[in-house]
Protein backbone atom coordinates (compact mmCIF):
# COMPACT_ATOMS: atom_id res chain seq x y z
CA UNK A 1 9.69 8.80 -8.62
CA UNK A 2 5.92 9.26 -9.03
CA UNK A 3 3.68 6.34 -10.63
CA UNK A 4 5.55 3.87 -7.84
CA UNK A 5 2.74 3.03 -5.84
CA UNK A 6 -1.00 2.90 -7.50
CA UNK A 7 -4.16 1.89 -5.75
CA UNK A 8 -5.04 -1.53 -4.83
CA UNK A 9 -1.57 -2.22 -3.94
CA UNK A 10 -0.89 -4.75 -1.41
CA UNK A 11 2.02 -3.56 0.17
CA UNK A 12 4.29 -5.11 3.36
CA UNK A 13 5.66 -2.61 6.12
CA UNK A 14 8.67 -2.60 8.58
CA UNK A 15 6.62 -2.77 11.44
CA UNK A 16 3.93 -4.93 12.72
CA UNK A 17 0.38 -3.44 12.82
CA UNK A 18 -0.83 -4.35 16.68
CA UNK A 19 -3.35 -6.85 14.99
CA UNK A 20 -0.22 -8.82 13.72
CA UNK A 21 -0.21 -8.07 10.34
CA UNK A 22 2.28 -6.85 7.95
CA UNK A 23 -0.08 -6.28 5.00
CA UNK A 24 -1.74 -3.18 3.71
CA UNK A 25 -4.02 -2.35 0.89
CA UNK A 26 -3.30 1.24 -0.78
CA UNK A 27 -6.93 2.80 -0.87
CA UNK A 28 -5.52 6.42 -1.63
CA UNK A 29 -2.38 8.28 -3.32
CA UNK A 30 -1.04 11.62 -3.69
CA UNK A 31 0.51 14.09 -1.16
CA UNK A 32 -1.28 11.38 1.22
CA UNK A 33 -1.79 7.81 1.42
CA UNK A 34 -4.95 6.04 3.15
CA UNK A 35 -3.83 2.32 3.80
CA UNK A 36 -6.31 -0.20 4.95
CA UNK A 37 -5.14 -3.08 7.94
CA UNK A 38 -5.06 -6.35 6.01
CA UNK A 39 -5.53 -7.84 9.53
CA UNK A 40 -8.12 -5.96 11.33
CA UNK A 41 -9.13 -3.23 8.41
CA UNK A 42 -8.35 -0.37 10.20
CA UNK A 43 -7.65 2.54 7.82
CA UNK A 44 -4.44 5.05 7.90
CA UNK A 45 -3.81 8.18 6.10
CA UNK A 46 0.48 8.49 6.23
CA UNK A 47 2.28 11.25 4.69
CA UNK A 48 4.34 9.99 1.36
CA UNK A 49 7.52 10.76 2.94
CA UNK A 50 6.18 8.62 5.93
CA UNK A 51 4.88 5.87 3.65
CA UNK A 52 7.55 5.66 1.67
CA UNK A 53 10.12 5.19 3.93
CA UNK A 54 7.93 2.01 5.69
CA UNK A 55 7.41 0.30 3.04
CA UNK A 56 9.26 -2.85 2.81
CA UNK A 57 8.01 -4.30 -0.59
CA UNK A 58 5.24 -4.10 -2.71
CA UNK A 59 3.51 -8.24 -2.54
CA UNK A 60 0.53 -7.37 -4.86
CA UNK A 61 1.04 -4.68 -7.56
CA UNK A 62 -1.70 -2.87 -9.48
CA UNK A 63 -0.01 -4.15 -12.72
CA UNK A 64 0.28 -7.85 -12.01
CA UNK A 65 -3.39 -8.29 -12.21
CA UNK A 66 -3.50 -7.90 -15.80
CA UNK A 67 -5.03 -4.63 -16.26
CA UNK A 68 -2.69 -3.12 -18.26
CA UNK A 69 -2.94 -5.78 -20.64
CA UNK A 70 -6.31 -4.99 -22.19
CA UNK A 71 -5.27 -3.59 -25.50
C-alpha cells in the first residue's frame, strides 16, 4: 500500500525503545525507513517490511498538519 507513511509522521511501535519511549518520527521512506526516537533522539534504519510490521498506529500524520489544505 504505497503512501501509507510519510515524512514527519509520528508512529507508535509495538515494542518500547530501551529509553522507555514508543514514539518515533519518520525521517526517510522507501525500501528502508529511517526513524528517530522521540525519547532520546536515537536514529535507526529498518527495512520496509520490518518497519510496517512493528508499527502499532500512526499518532500524528503528515496530512493532519494541514499541508494538504493549501489550495
